[in-house]
Amino acid sequence: MITGLSRAGATAEGAGAAEPVRTARVTGLFYLGMVIASVLELLVVRPRLFAADDPGATLAHLAGNGSLARAGIVLEMLMVLTQALTATWFYRLFRPMDAFAAGGIAAFGLVSAVTGLGSAAFLATAAEIASGPVGDAPATVHLLYLSSANLLGVGAMFFGLWLIPMGLCVLRSGWMPRPLGWVLIGGGAGYLLGAFIVYFAPEARVVAELLATPAHVGEFWMVGYLLVRGVRRRALQEAPRDDAYTASPAPT
């Protein structure tokens, strides 16, 4: 009987350990989707449509590449969707460790997603004007693309901010390597500072890009770890728990 109880306890413990691993891998899938959509839209599609110094060329690119313009809008919408899902699943993953920091990931991530939503609306409006030009169409679509880029630019503050509590959760939980936690915190701070530098000192844009490098390293590291390892199973039983989350309800 004792052996049976031991086996039942081990089974329950294993099931409990498997749940954070599953949650981590789902979070990693959403995060990977966000990274892929971001890279395709910002580094592949947008440069082929937006000519920074030539509004006429921007209009011509949109009018002549309608399918590509629509693909850019869809990719921007996917960025929004996957970041919102990633933020909420990070909250689900880390809430047992630190509800406040996990809430920070969710809150900052959702605000960042909302800035992407506004950017997608600007792109959609630009594509619509390009398909049926009205007024000063070249200037209008150019302005909309600039507005989209700057909305993402100022929204980068919150992208940097969501990495900081993410790193704190890594350190607090022990579920991932501690160096990853520090890279995320440092990268988030650098990304946040870079968002201000871009507008305060535009000639120092290269500095802002360098400051963002640790953030990119931390993101790819986090995505890879979530997908491959999930979390450290041994650390599941050793990590501290947030008292507000784990406290048992008072007897009635």
C-alpha atoms as a PDB file:
ATOM      1  CA  MET A   1       0.000   0.000   0.000  1.00  0.00           C
ATOM      2  CA  ILE A   2       2.836   2.356   0.908  1.00  0.00           C
ATOM      3  CA  THR A   3       4.482   1.563  -2.410  1.00  0.00           C
ATOM      4  CA  GLY A   4       1.226   2.344  -4.204  1.00  0.00           C
ATOM      5  CA  LEU A   5       0.936   5.673  -2.405  1.00  0.00           C
ATOM      6  CA  SER A   6       4.529   6.496  -3.296  1.00  0.00           C
ATOM      7  CA  ARG A   7       3.908   5.739  -6.928  1.00  0.00           C
ATOM      8  CA  ALA A   8       0.743   7.839  -6.917  1.00  0.00           C
ATOM      9  CA  GLY A   9       2.660  10.716  -5.344  1.00  0.00           C
ATOM     10  CA  ALA A  10       5.434  10.399  -7.906  1.00  0.00           C
ATOM     11  CA  THR A  11       2.867  10.369 -10.702  1.00  0.00           C
ATOM     12  CA  ALA A  12       1.185  13.494  -9.354  1.00  0.00           C
ATOM     13  CA  GLU A  13       4.550  15.177  -8.933  1.00  0.00           C
ATOM     14  CA  GLY A  14       5.501  14.285 -12.495  1.00  0.00           C
ATOM     15  CA  ALA A  15       2.212  15.636 -13.797  1.00  0.00           C
ATOM     16  CA  GLY A  16       2.770  18.848 -11.854  1.00  0.00           C
ATOM     17  CA  ALA A  17       6.250  19.186 -13.303  1.00  0.00           C
ATOM     18  CA  ALA A  18       5.012  18.563 -16.828  1.00  0.00           C
ATOM     19  CA  GLU A  19       2.528  21.446 -16.737  1.00  0.00           C
ATOM     20  CA  PRO A  20       5.138  24.271 -16.571  1.00  0.00           C
ATOM     21  CA  VAL A  21       7.120  22.537 -19.315  1.00  0.00           C
ATOM     22  CA  ARG A  22       4.061  22.458 -21.577  1.00  0.00           C
ATOM     23  CA  THR A  23       3.260  26.077 -20.752  1.00  0.00           C
ATOM     24  CA  ALA A  24       6.852  27.089 -21.483  1.00  0.00           C
ATOM     25  CA  ARG A  25       6.825  25.389 -24.876  1.00  0.00           C
ATOM     26  CA  VAL A  26       3.519  26.967 -25.895  1.00  0.00           C
ATOM     27  CA  THR A  27       4.948  30.324 -24.833  1.00  0.00           C
ATOM     28  CA  GLY A  28       8.035  29.611 -26.928  1.00  0.00           C
ATOM     29  CA  LEU A  29       5.914  28.799 -29.984  1.00  0.00           C
ATOM     30  CA  PHE A  30       4.032  32.091 -29.694  1.00  0.00           C
ATOM     31  CA  TYR A  31       7.307  33.959 -29.143  1.00  0.00           C
ATOM     32  CA  LEU A  32       8.853  32.293 -32.196  1.00  0.00           C
ATOM     33  CA  GLY A  33       5.827  33.290 -34.259  1.00  0.00           C
ATOM     34  CA  MET A  34       6.257  36.893 -33.110  1.00  0.00           C
ATOM     35  CA  VAL A  35       9.945  36.898 -34.042  1.00  0.00           C
ATOM     36  CA  ILE A  36       9.294  35.410 -37.495  1.00  0.00           C
ATOM     37  CA  ALA A  37       6.467  37.857 -38.258  1.00  0.00           C
ATOM     38  CA  SER A  38       8.587  40.794 -37.060  1.00  0.00           C
ATOM     39  CA  VAL A  39      11.609  39.836 -39.144  1.00  0.00           C
ATOM     40  CA  LEU A  40       9.559  39.284 -42.290  1.00  0.00           C
ATOM     41  CA  GLU A  41       7.592  42.527 -41.974  1.00  0.00           C
ATOM     42  CA  LEU A  42      10.299  44.904 -40.734  1.00  0.00           C
ATOM     43  CA  LEU A  43      13.333  43.544 -42.570  1.00  0.00           C
ATOM     44  CA  VAL A  44      11.877  41.979 -45.726  1.00  0.00           C
ATOM     45  CA  VAL A  45       8.526  43.496 -46.723  1.00  0.00           C
ATOM     46  CA  ARG A  46       8.690  47.084 -45.462  1.00  0.00           C
ATOM     47  CA  PRO A  47      12.068  47.966 -47.072  1.00  0.00           C
ATOM     48  CA  ARG A  48      10.682  46.870 -50.456  1.00  0.00           C
ATOM     49  CA  LEU A  49       7.701  49.223 -50.165  1.00  0.00           C
ATOM     50  CA  PHE A  50       8.881  52.293 -48.278  1.00  0.00           C
ATOM     51  CA  ALA A  51      11.330  54.697 -49.927  1.00  0.00           C
ATOM     52  CA  ALA A  52      12.400  57.011 -47.113  1.00  0.00           C
ATOM     53  CA  ASP A  53      13.348  59.964 -49.327  1.00  0.00           C
ATOM     54  CA  ASP A  54      10.873  59.542 -52.189  1.00  0.00           C
ATOM     55  CA  PRO A  55       7.092  59.698 -51.536  1.00  0.00           C
ATOM     56  CA  GLY A  56       6.402  59.064 -55.233  1.00  0.00           C
ATOM     57  CA  ALA A  57       8.406  55.867 -55.145  1.00  0.00           C
ATOM     58  CA  THR A  58       6.571  54.711 -52.002  1.00  0.00           C
ATOM     59  CA  LEU A  59       3.233  55.200 -53.740  1.00  0.00           C
ATOM     60  CA  ALA A  60       4.489  53.416 -56.868  1.00  0.00           C
ATOM     61  CA  HIS A  61       5.736  50.464 -54.811  1.00  0.00           C
ATOM     62  CA  LEU A  62       2.390  50.149 -53.023  1.00  0.00           C
ATOM     63  CA  ALA A  63       0.356  50.500 -56.209  1.00  0.00           C
ATOM     64  CA  GLY A  64       2.512  48.017 -58.114  1.00  0.00           C
ATOM     65  CA  ASN A  65       2.864  45.469 -55.301  1.00  0.00           C
ATOM     66  CA  GLY A  66      -0.592  45.238 -53.813  1.00  0.00           C
ATOM     67  CA  SER A  67      -0.141  41.645 -52.701  1.00  0.00           C
ATOM     68  CA  LEU A  68       3.110  42.480 -50.931  1.00  0.00           C
ATOM     69  CA  ALA A  69       1.511  45.485 -49.232  1.00  0.00           C
ATOM     70  CA  ARG A  70      -1.350  43.301 -47.971  1.00  0.00           C
ATOM     71  CA  ALA A  71       1.149  40.702 -46.804  1.00  0.00           C
ATOM     72  CA  GLY A  72       2.888  43.414 -44.773  1.00  0.00           C
ATOM     73  CA  ILE A  73      -0.402  44.323 -43.094  1.00  0.00           C
ATOM     74  CA  VAL A  74      -1.120  40.670 -42.264  1.00  0.00           C
ATOM     75  CA  LEU A  75       2.391  40.198 -40.871  1.00  0.00           C
ATOM     76  CA  GLU A  76       1.964  43.286 -38.695  1.00  0.00           C
ATOM     77  CA  MET A  77      -1.336  41.888 -37.423  1.00  0.00           C
ATOM     78  CA  LEU A  78       0.380  38.571 -36.700  1.00  0.00           C
ATOM     79  CA  MET A  79       3.053  40.463 -34.752  1.00  0.00           C
ATOM     80  CA  VAL A  80       0.298  41.968 -32.618  1.00  0.00           C
ATOM     81  CA  LEU A  81      -1.536  38.681 -32.116  1.00  0.00           C
ATOM     82  CA  THR A  82       1.510  36.609 -31.248  1.00  0.00           C
ATOM     83  CA  GLN A  83       2.938  39.247 -28.893  1.00  0.00           C
ATOM     84  CA  ALA A  84      -0.365  39.476 -27.035  1.00  0.00           C
ATOM     85  CA  LEU A  85      -0.483  35.675 -26.717  1.00  0.00           C
ATOM     86  CA  THR A  86       3.177  35.516 -25.708  1.00  0.00           C
ATOM     87  CA  ALA A  87       2.619  38.138 -23.013  1.00  0.00           C
ATOM     88  CA  THR A  88      -0.360  36.329 -21.518  1.00  0.00           C
ATOM     89  CA  TRP A  89       1.347  32.932 -21.601  1.00  0.00           C
ATOM     90  CA  PHE A  90       4.462  34.356 -19.956  1.00  0.00           C
ATOM     91  CA  TYR A  91       2.133  35.540 -17.216  1.00  0.00           C
ATOM     92  CA  ARG A  92       0.686  32.056 -16.892  1.00  0.00           C
ATOM     93  CA  LEU A  93       4.177  30.536 -16.784  1.00  0.00           C
ATOM     94  CA  PHE A  94       5.800  32.833 -14.240  1.00  0.00           C
ATOM     95  CA  ARG A  95       2.821  33.819 -12.054  1.00  0.00           C
ATOM     96  CA  PRO A  96       3.577  31.096  -9.458  1.00  0.00           C
ATOM     97  CA  MET A  97       7.094  32.516  -9.028  1.00  0.00           C
ATOM     98  CA  ASP A  98       6.429  36.254  -8.926  1.00  0.00           C
ATOM     99  CA  ALA A  99       2.943  37.513  -9.742  1.00  0.00           C
ATOM    100  CA  PHE A 100       4.034  41.159  -9.833  1.00  0.00           C
ATOM    101  CA  ALA A 101       6.902  40.632 -12.311  1.00  0.00           C
ATOM    102  CA  ALA A 102       4.777  38.251 -14.393  1.00  0.00           C
ATOM    103  CA  GLY A 103       2.080  40.921 -14.503  1.00  0.00           C
ATOM    104  CA  GLY A 104       4.715  43.377 -15.704  1.00  0.00           C
ATOM    105  CA  ILE A 105       5.578  41.100 -18.629  1.00  0.00           C
ATOM    106  CA  ALA A 106       1.899  40.862 -19.556  1.00  0.00           C
ATOM    107  CA  ALA A 107       1.154  44.582 -19.147  1.00  0.00           C
ATOM    108  CA  PHE A 108       4.198  45.902 -21.013  1.00  0.00           C
ATOM    109  CA  GLY A 109       3.870  43.251 -23.711  1.00  0.00           C
ATOM    110  CA  LEU A 110       0.213  44.089 -24.309  1.00  0.00           C
ATOM    111  CA  VAL A 111       0.941  47.823 -24.552  1.00  0.00           C
ATOM    112  CA  SER A 112       3.689  47.046 -27.068  1.00  0.00           C
ATOM    113  CA  ALA A 113       1.201  44.934 -29.026  1.00  0.00           C
ATOM    114  CA  VAL A 114      -1.283  47.816 -29.103  1.00  0.00           C
ATOM    115  CA  THR A 115       1.336  50.087 -30.700  1.00  0.00           C
ATOM    116  CA  GLY A 116       1.736  47.434 -33.403  1.00  0.00           C
ATOM    117  CA  LEU A 117      -2.028  47.442 -33.881  1.00  0.00           C
ATOM    118  CA  GLY A 118      -1.953  51.167 -34.599  1.00  0.00           C
ATOM    119  CA  SER A 119       0.960  50.677 -36.971  1.00  0.00           C
ATOM    120  CA  ALA A 120      -0.983  48.004 -38.876  1.00  0.00           C
ATOM    121  CA  ALA A 121      -3.922  50.401 -39.236  1.00  0.00           C
ATOM    122  CA  PHE A 122      -1.622  53.035 -40.769  1.00  0.00           C
ATOM    123  CA  LEU A 123      -0.258  50.475 -43.242  1.00  0.00           C
ATOM    124  CA  ALA A 124      -3.772  49.363 -44.172  1.00  0.00           C
ATOM    125  CA  THR A 125      -4.813  52.966 -44.790  1.00  0.00           C
ATOM    126  CA  ALA A 126      -1.746  53.591 -46.949  1.00  0.00           C
ATOM    127  CA  ALA A 127      -2.471  50.494 -49.051  1.00  0.00           C
ATOM    128  CA  GLU A 128      -6.092  51.567 -49.498  1.00  0.00           C
ATOM    129  CA  ILE A 129      -5.101  55.039 -50.688  1.00  0.00           C
ATOM    130  CA  ALA A 130      -2.511  53.577 -53.051  1.00  0.00           C
ATOM    131  CA  SER A 131      -5.158  51.372 -54.688  1.00  0.00           C
ATOM    132  CA  GLY A 132      -7.446  54.365 -55.323  1.00  0.00           C
ATOM    133  CA  PRO A 133      -5.368  57.550 -55.080  1.00  0.00           C
ATOM    134  CA  VAL A 134      -7.134  60.637 -53.716  1.00  0.00           C
ATOM    135  CA  GLY A 135      -5.691  64.088 -53.060  1.00  0.00           C
ATOM    136  CA  ASP A 136      -1.934  64.202 -52.652  1.00  0.00           C
ATOM    137  CA  ALA A 137      -1.572  60.420 -52.557  1.00  0.00           C
ATOM    138  CA  PRO A 138       2.269  60.263 -52.564  1.00  0.00           C
ATOM    139  CA  ALA A 139       2.550  62.594 -49.569  1.00  0.00           C
ATOM    140  CA  THR A 140      -0.298  60.845 -47.749  1.00  0.00           C
ATOM    141  CA  VAL A 141       1.007  57.290 -48.051  1.00  0.00           C
ATOM    142  CA  HIS A 142       4.503  58.492 -47.193  1.00  0.00           C
ATOM    143  CA  LEU A 143       3.170  60.188 -44.057  1.00  0.00           C
ATOM    144  CA  LEU A 144       1.282  57.047 -43.067  1.00  0.00           C
ATOM    145  CA  TYR A 145       4.403  54.897 -43.386  1.00  0.00           C
ATOM    146  CA  LEU A 146       6.398  57.416 -41.358  1.00  0.00           C
ATOM    147  CA  SER A 147       3.647  57.391 -38.724  1.00  0.00           C
ATOM    148  CA  SER A 148       3.722  53.602 -38.636  1.00  0.00           C
ATOM    149  CA  ALA A 149       7.493  53.554 -38.189  1.00  0.00           C
ATOM    150  CA  ASN A 150       7.414  56.182 -35.456  1.00  0.00           C
ATOM    151  CA  LEU A 151       4.583  54.463 -33.613  1.00  0.00           C
ATOM    152  CA  LEU A 152       6.727  51.340 -33.500  1.00  0.00           C
ATOM    153  CA  GLY A 153       9.704  53.509 -32.548  1.00  0.00           C
ATOM    154  CA  VAL A 154       8.102  55.070 -29.487  1.00  0.00           C
ATOM    155  CA  GLY A 155       6.464  51.738 -28.659  1.00  0.00           C
ATOM    156  CA  ALA A 156       9.958  50.252 -28.409  1.00  0.00           C
ATOM    157  CA  MET A 157       9.983  51.622 -24.854  1.00  0.00           C
ATOM    158  CA  PHE A 158       7.485  48.993 -23.813  1.00  0.00           C
ATOM    159  CA  PHE A 159       9.246  46.272 -25.777  1.00  0.00           C
ATOM    160  CA  GLY A 160      12.344  47.031 -23.720  1.00  0.00           C
ATOM    161  CA  LEU A 161      10.287  47.205 -20.531  1.00  0.00           C
ATOM    162  CA  TRP A 162       8.748  43.750 -20.958  1.00  0.00           C
ATOM    163  CA  LEU A 163      12.197  42.147 -21.134  1.00  0.00           C
ATOM    164  CA  ILE A 164      13.201  43.467 -17.693  1.00  0.00           C
ATOM    165  CA  PRO A 165      10.537  41.646 -15.615  1.00  0.00           C
ATOM    166  CA  MET A 166      11.052  38.644 -17.907  1.00  0.00           C
ATOM    167  CA  GLY A 167      14.687  38.553 -16.808  1.00  0.00           C
ATOM    168  CA  LEU A 168      13.668  38.999 -13.172  1.00  0.00           C
ATOM    169  CA  CYS A 169      11.337  36.011 -13.456  1.00  0.00           C
ATOM    170  CA  VAL A 170      14.159  33.919 -14.919  1.00  0.00           C
ATOM    171  CA  LEU A 171      16.391  34.824 -11.970  1.00  0.00           C
ATOM    172  CA  ARG A 172      13.660  34.328  -9.394  1.00  0.00           C
ATOM    173  CA  SER A 173      12.433  30.984 -10.697  1.00  0.00           C
ATOM    174  CA  GLY A 174      15.732  29.308 -11.546  1.00  0.00           C
ATOM    175  CA  TRP A 175      13.912  27.643 -14.418  1.00  0.00           C
ATOM    176  CA  MET A 176      16.338  28.965 -17.015  1.00  0.00           C
ATOM    177  CA  PRO A 177      20.079  29.770 -16.891  1.00  0.00           C
ATOM    178  CA  ARG A 178      20.845  32.791 -14.700  1.00  0.00           C
ATOM    179  CA  PRO A 179      22.996  34.439 -17.407  1.00  0.00           C
ATOM    180  CA  LEU A 180      19.860  34.507 -19.593  1.00  0.00           C
ATOM    181  CA  GLY A 181      18.072  36.489 -16.912  1.00  0.00           C
ATOM    182  CA  TRP A 182      20.850  39.085 -16.740  1.00  0.00           C
ATOM    183  CA  VAL A 183      21.049  39.336 -20.536  1.00  0.00           C
ATOM    184  CA  LEU A 184      17.299  39.996 -20.690  1.00  0.00           C
ATOM    185  CA  ILE A 185      17.467  42.665 -17.994  1.00  0.00           C
ATOM    186  CA  GLY A 186      20.478  44.361 -19.573  1.00  0.00           C
ATOM    187  CA  GLY A 187      18.994  44.038 -23.041  1.00  0.00           C
ATOM    188  CA  GLY A 188      15.671  45.466 -21.914  1.00  0.00           C
ATOM    189  CA  ALA A 189      17.387  48.454 -20.287  1.00  0.00           C
ATOM    190  CA  GLY A 190      19.484  48.999 -23.427  1.00  0.00           C
ATOM    191  CA  TYR A 191      16.429  48.746 -25.679  1.00  0.00           C
ATOM    192  CA  LEU A 192      14.575  51.252 -23.505  1.00  0.00           C
ATOM    193  CA  LEU A 193      17.490  53.682 -23.524  1.00  0.00           C
ATOM    194  CA  GLY A 194      17.909  53.251 -27.278  1.00  0.00           C
ATOM    195  CA  ALA A 195      14.260  54.206 -27.872  1.00  0.00           C
ATOM    196  CA  PHE A 196      14.994  57.608 -26.305  1.00  0.00           C
ATOM    197  CA  ILE A 197      18.332  58.040 -28.070  1.00  0.00           C
ATOM    198  CA  VAL A 198      16.740  57.603 -31.516  1.00  0.00           C
ATOM    199  CA  TYR A 199      14.637  60.725 -30.967  1.00  0.00           C
ATOM    200  CA  PHE A 200      16.878  62.762 -28.668  1.00  0.00           C
ATOM    201  CA  ALA A 201      20.022  62.263 -30.765  1.00  0.00           C
ATOM    202  CA  PRO A 202      19.069  60.911 -34.218  1.00  0.00           C
ATOM    203  CA  GLU A 203      22.694  61.054 -35.349  1.00  0.00           C
ATOM    204  CA  ALA A 204      23.491  58.434 -32.687  1.00  0.00           C
ATOM    205  CA  ARG A 205      21.135  55.809 -34.139  1.00  0.00           C
ATOM    206  CA  VAL A 206      24.029  53.348 -34.411  1.00  0.00           C
ATOM    207  CA  VAL A 207      24.497  53.592 -30.651  1.00  0.00           C
ATOM    208  CA  ALA A 208      20.814  52.771 -30.143  1.00  0.00           C
ATOM    209  CA  GLU A 209      21.152  49.719 -32.397  1.00  0.00           C
ATOM    210  CA  LEU A 210      24.190  48.517 -30.446  1.00  0.00           C
ATOM    211  CA  LEU A 211      22.332  48.954 -27.164  1.00  0.00           C
ATOM    212  CA  ALA A 212      19.540  46.754 -28.532  1.00  0.00           C
ATOM    213  CA  THR A 213      21.912  43.890 -29.432  1.00  0.00           C
ATOM    214  CA  PRO A 214      21.768  42.168 -25.999  1.00  0.00           C
ATOM    215  CA  ALA A 215      17.967  42.267 -26.206  1.00  0.00           C
ATOM    216  CA  HIS A 216      18.029  40.381 -29.511  1.00  0.00           C
ATOM    217  CA  VAL A 217      20.484  37.845 -28.084  1.00  0.00           C
ATOM    218  CA  GLY A 218      18.286  37.359 -25.016  1.00  0.00           C
ATOM    219  CA  GLU A 219      15.153  36.935 -27.098  1.00  0.00           C
ATOM    220  CA  PHE A 220      16.593  34.254 -29.369  1.00  0.00           C
ATOM    221  CA  TRP A 221      18.110  32.520 -26.335  1.00  0.00           C
ATOM    222  CA  MET A 222      14.766  32.588 -24.515  1.00  0.00           C
ATOM    223  CA  VAL A 223      12.827  31.299 -27.539  1.00  0.00           C
ATOM    224  CA  GLY A 224      15.314  28.463 -28.039  1.00  0.00           C
ATOM    225  CA  TYR A 225      15.310  27.496 -24.376  1.00  0.00           C
ATOM    226  CA  LEU A 226      11.524  27.519 -24.113  1.00  0.00           C
ATOM    227  CA  LEU A 227      11.160  25.306 -27.183  1.00  0.00           C
ATOM    228  CA  VAL A 228      14.005  22.875 -26.469  1.00  0.00           C
ATOM    229  CA  ARG A 229      14.086  22.589 -22.679  1.00  0.00           C
ATOM    230  CA  GLY A 230      10.929  24.298 -21.539  1.00  0.00           C
ATOM    231  CA  VAL A 231      12.081  24.729 -17.954  1.00  0.00           C
ATOM    232  CA  ARG A 232      14.600  22.998 -15.705  1.00  0.00           C
ATOM    233  CA  ARG A 233      12.605  20.167 -14.170  1.00  0.00           C
ATOM    234  CA  ARG A 234      14.904  19.928 -11.151  1.00  0.00           C
ATOM    235  CA  ALA A 235      14.315  23.567 -10.371  1.00  0.00           C
ATOM    236  CA  LEU A 236      10.533  23.164 -10.341  1.00  0.00           C
ATOM    237  CA  GLN A 237      10.594  21.871  -6.774  1.00  0.00           C
ATOM    238  CA  GLU A 238      13.350  24.195  -5.605  1.00  0.00           C
ATOM    239  CA  ALA A 239      12.197  27.556  -6.951  1.00  0.00           C
ATOM    240  CA  PRO A 240      10.587  29.994  -4.482  1.00  0.00           C
ATOM    241  CA  ARG A 241       6.887  30.629  -4.841  1.00  0.00           C
ATOM    242  CA  ASP A 242       4.957  33.882  -4.655  1.00  0.00           C
ATOM    243  CA  ASP A 243       3.175  33.828  -1.306  1.00  0.00           C
ATOM    244  CA  ALA A 244       0.143  35.686  -2.632  1.00  0.00           C
ATOM    245  CA  TYR A 245      -0.328  32.995  -5.269  1.00  0.00           C
ATOM    246  CA  THR A 246       0.424  29.859  -3.248  1.00  0.00           C
ATOM    247  CA  ALA A 247      -1.189  30.718   0.032  1.00  0.00           C
ATOM    248  CA  SER A 248      -3.908  28.237   0.928  1.00  0.00           C
ATOM    249  CA  PRO A 249      -7.389  29.638   1.429  1.00  0.00           C
ATOM    250  CA  ALA A 250      -8.421  30.152   5.027  1.00  0.00           C
ATOM    251  CA  PRO A 251     -10.616  27.374   6.418  1.00  0.00           C
ATOM    252  CA  THR A 252     -14.299  28.127   6.588  1.00  0.00           C
END
